[in-house]
Amino acid sequence: DRIFRTVLARLGPPTGLLLDVGCHVGRFVRLAAAGGWAAEGVELNPTTAAFAAAHAGRPIHRELPPGRRYAAVTLLDVLEH
């Protein structure tokens, strides 16, 4: 969680909608939402996406939502690999 909190601090104050691509189980989505962001995630694995939605309490998409605009986009669990 320390790395996630560092990322949130670098993003600055919440300014709207944040998308975490490859959100896995939704930990960063949950932390971002708790920090004031309107956070959502994208997770391709259907089982993991369902778990993430329940865990984060926020929308978790199976693909990028068309036409949405985001104030911030992260790929933390993607770049980590």
C-alpha atoms as a PDB file:
ATOM      1  CA  ASP A   1       0.000   0.000   0.000  1.00  0.00           C
ATOM      2  CA  ARG A   2       2.968   2.342   0.521  1.00  0.00           C
ATOM      3  CA  ILE A   3       3.657   2.469  -3.214  1.00  0.00           C
ATOM      4  CA  PHE A   4      -0.024   3.085  -3.947  1.00  0.00           C
ATOM      5  CA  ARG A   5      -0.153   5.917  -1.396  1.00  0.00           C
ATOM      6  CA  THR A   6       2.981   7.448  -2.959  1.00  0.00           C
ATOM      7  CA  VAL A   7       1.314   7.393  -6.384  1.00  0.00           C
ATOM      8  CA  LEU A   8      -1.807   9.051  -4.971  1.00  0.00           C
ATOM      9  CA  ALA A   9       0.307  11.750  -3.320  1.00  0.00           C
ATOM     10  CA  ARG A  10       2.070  12.455  -6.626  1.00  0.00           C
ATOM     11  CA  LEU A  11      -1.251  12.776  -8.442  1.00  0.00           C
ATOM     12  CA  GLY A  12      -2.149  15.645  -6.139  1.00  0.00           C
ATOM     13  CA  PRO A  13      -5.629  16.468  -4.923  1.00  0.00           C
ATOM     14  CA  PRO A  14      -8.471  14.431  -6.445  1.00  0.00           C
ATOM     15  CA  THR A  15      -9.735  16.144  -9.583  1.00  0.00           C
ATOM     16  CA  GLY A  16     -12.304  13.740 -10.936  1.00  0.00           C
ATOM     17  CA  LEU A  17     -12.388  10.338 -12.522  1.00  0.00           C
ATOM     18  CA  LEU A  18      -9.390   8.002 -12.176  1.00  0.00           C
ATOM     19  CA  LEU A  19      -9.001   4.766 -14.129  1.00  0.00           C
ATOM     20  CA  ASP A  20      -6.636   2.006 -13.011  1.00  0.00           C
ATOM     21  CA  VAL A  21      -5.972  -0.274 -15.996  1.00  0.00           C
ATOM     22  CA  GLY A  22      -5.139  -3.844 -14.986  1.00  0.00           C
ATOM     23  CA  CYS A  23      -6.504  -3.205 -11.503  1.00  0.00           C
ATOM     24  CA  HIS A  24      -6.257  -6.873 -10.436  1.00  0.00           C
ATOM     25  CA  VAL A  25      -8.160  -7.196  -7.123  1.00  0.00           C
ATOM     26  CA  GLY A  26      -8.950  -3.472  -6.881  1.00  0.00           C
ATOM     27  CA  ARG A  27      -6.620  -2.414  -4.041  1.00  0.00           C
ATOM     28  CA  PHE A  28      -5.517   0.804  -5.724  1.00  0.00           C
ATOM     29  CA  VAL A  29      -9.064   1.568  -6.888  1.00  0.00           C
ATOM     30  CA  ARG A  30     -10.260   1.238  -3.285  1.00  0.00           C
ATOM     31  CA  LEU A  31      -7.456   3.446  -1.931  1.00  0.00           C
ATOM     32  CA  ALA A  32      -8.003   6.072  -4.629  1.00  0.00           C
ATOM     33  CA  ALA A  33     -11.734   6.164  -3.873  1.00  0.00           C
ATOM     34  CA  ALA A  34     -11.009   6.504  -0.156  1.00  0.00           C
ATOM     35  CA  GLY A  35      -8.710   9.402  -1.061  1.00  0.00           C
ATOM     36  CA  GLY A  36     -11.511  11.250  -2.837  1.00  0.00           C
ATOM     37  CA  TRP A  37     -11.125  10.117  -6.444  1.00  0.00           C
ATOM     38  CA  ALA A  38     -14.084   8.810  -8.431  1.00  0.00           C
ATOM     39  CA  ALA A  39     -12.056   5.671  -9.143  1.00  0.00           C
ATOM     40  CA  GLU A  40     -12.779   2.862 -11.586  1.00  0.00           C
ATOM     41  CA  GLY A  41     -10.764  -0.072 -12.841  1.00  0.00           C
ATOM     42  CA  VAL A  42     -10.282  -2.309 -15.836  1.00  0.00           C
ATOM     43  CA  GLU A  43      -9.528  -6.000 -15.333  1.00  0.00           C
ATOM     44  CA  LEU A  44      -9.712  -8.548 -18.150  1.00  0.00           C
ATOM     45  CA  ASN A  45     -10.037 -11.686 -16.033  1.00  0.00           C
ATOM     46  CA  PRO A  46     -13.774 -12.092 -15.289  1.00  0.00           C
ATOM     47  CA  THR A  47     -13.281 -13.809 -11.921  1.00  0.00           C
ATOM     48  CA  THR A  48     -10.758 -11.223 -10.752  1.00  0.00           C
ATOM     49  CA  ALA A  49     -12.912  -8.366 -12.079  1.00  0.00           C
ATOM     50  CA  ALA A  50     -15.905  -9.599 -10.060  1.00  0.00           C
ATOM     51  CA  PHE A  51     -13.763  -9.910  -6.944  1.00  0.00           C
ATOM     52  CA  ALA A  52     -12.295  -6.433  -7.536  1.00  0.00           C
ATOM     53  CA  ALA A  53     -15.743  -4.863  -7.906  1.00  0.00           C
ATOM     54  CA  ALA A  54     -16.883  -6.420  -4.630  1.00  0.00           C
ATOM     55  CA  HIS A  55     -13.624  -5.575  -2.847  1.00  0.00           C
ATOM     56  CA  ALA A  56     -13.304  -1.986  -4.104  1.00  0.00           C
ATOM     57  CA  GLY A  57     -17.003  -1.133  -4.129  1.00  0.00           C
ATOM     58  CA  ARG A  58     -16.371   0.776  -7.355  1.00  0.00           C
ATOM     59  CA  PRO A  59     -17.027   0.034 -11.054  1.00  0.00           C
ATOM     60  CA  ILE A  60     -14.624  -2.493 -12.546  1.00  0.00           C
ATOM     61  CA  HIS A  61     -14.867  -2.833 -16.323  1.00  0.00           C
ATOM     62  CA  ARG A  62     -13.794  -5.788 -18.448  1.00  0.00           C
ATOM     63  CA  GLU A  63     -12.688  -3.465 -21.266  1.00  0.00           C
ATOM     64  CA  LEU A  64     -11.994   0.234 -21.653  1.00  0.00           C
ATOM     65  CA  PRO A  65     -15.296   2.117 -21.544  1.00  0.00           C
ATOM     66  CA  PRO A  66     -15.754   3.979 -24.857  1.00  0.00           C
ATOM     67  CA  GLY A  67     -16.112   7.743 -24.769  1.00  0.00           C
ATOM     68  CA  ARG A  68     -15.121   8.187 -21.117  1.00  0.00           C
ATOM     69  CA  ARG A  69     -12.689  10.926 -20.114  1.00  0.00           C
ATOM     70  CA  TYR A  70     -10.403  10.511 -17.126  1.00  0.00           C
ATOM     71  CA  ALA A  71      -8.460  13.023 -15.085  1.00  0.00           C
ATOM     72  CA  ALA A  72      -5.851  10.328 -14.332  1.00  0.00           C
ATOM     73  CA  VAL A  73      -5.031   6.887 -15.711  1.00  0.00           C
ATOM     74  CA  THR A  74      -2.741   4.433 -13.915  1.00  0.00           C
ATOM     75  CA  LEU A  75      -1.321   1.077 -14.967  1.00  0.00           C
ATOM     76  CA  LEU A  76       0.335   0.067 -11.710  1.00  0.00           C
ATOM     77  CA  ASP A  77      -0.214  -3.694 -11.848  1.00  0.00           C
ATOM     78  CA  VAL A  78       0.546  -3.659 -15.600  1.00  0.00           C
ATOM     79  CA  LEU A  79       3.863  -1.794 -15.412  1.00  0.00           C
ATOM     80  CA  GLU A  80       4.873  -3.801 -12.354  1.00  0.00           C
ATOM     81  CA  HIS A  81       5.055  -6.913 -14.545  1.00  0.00           C
END
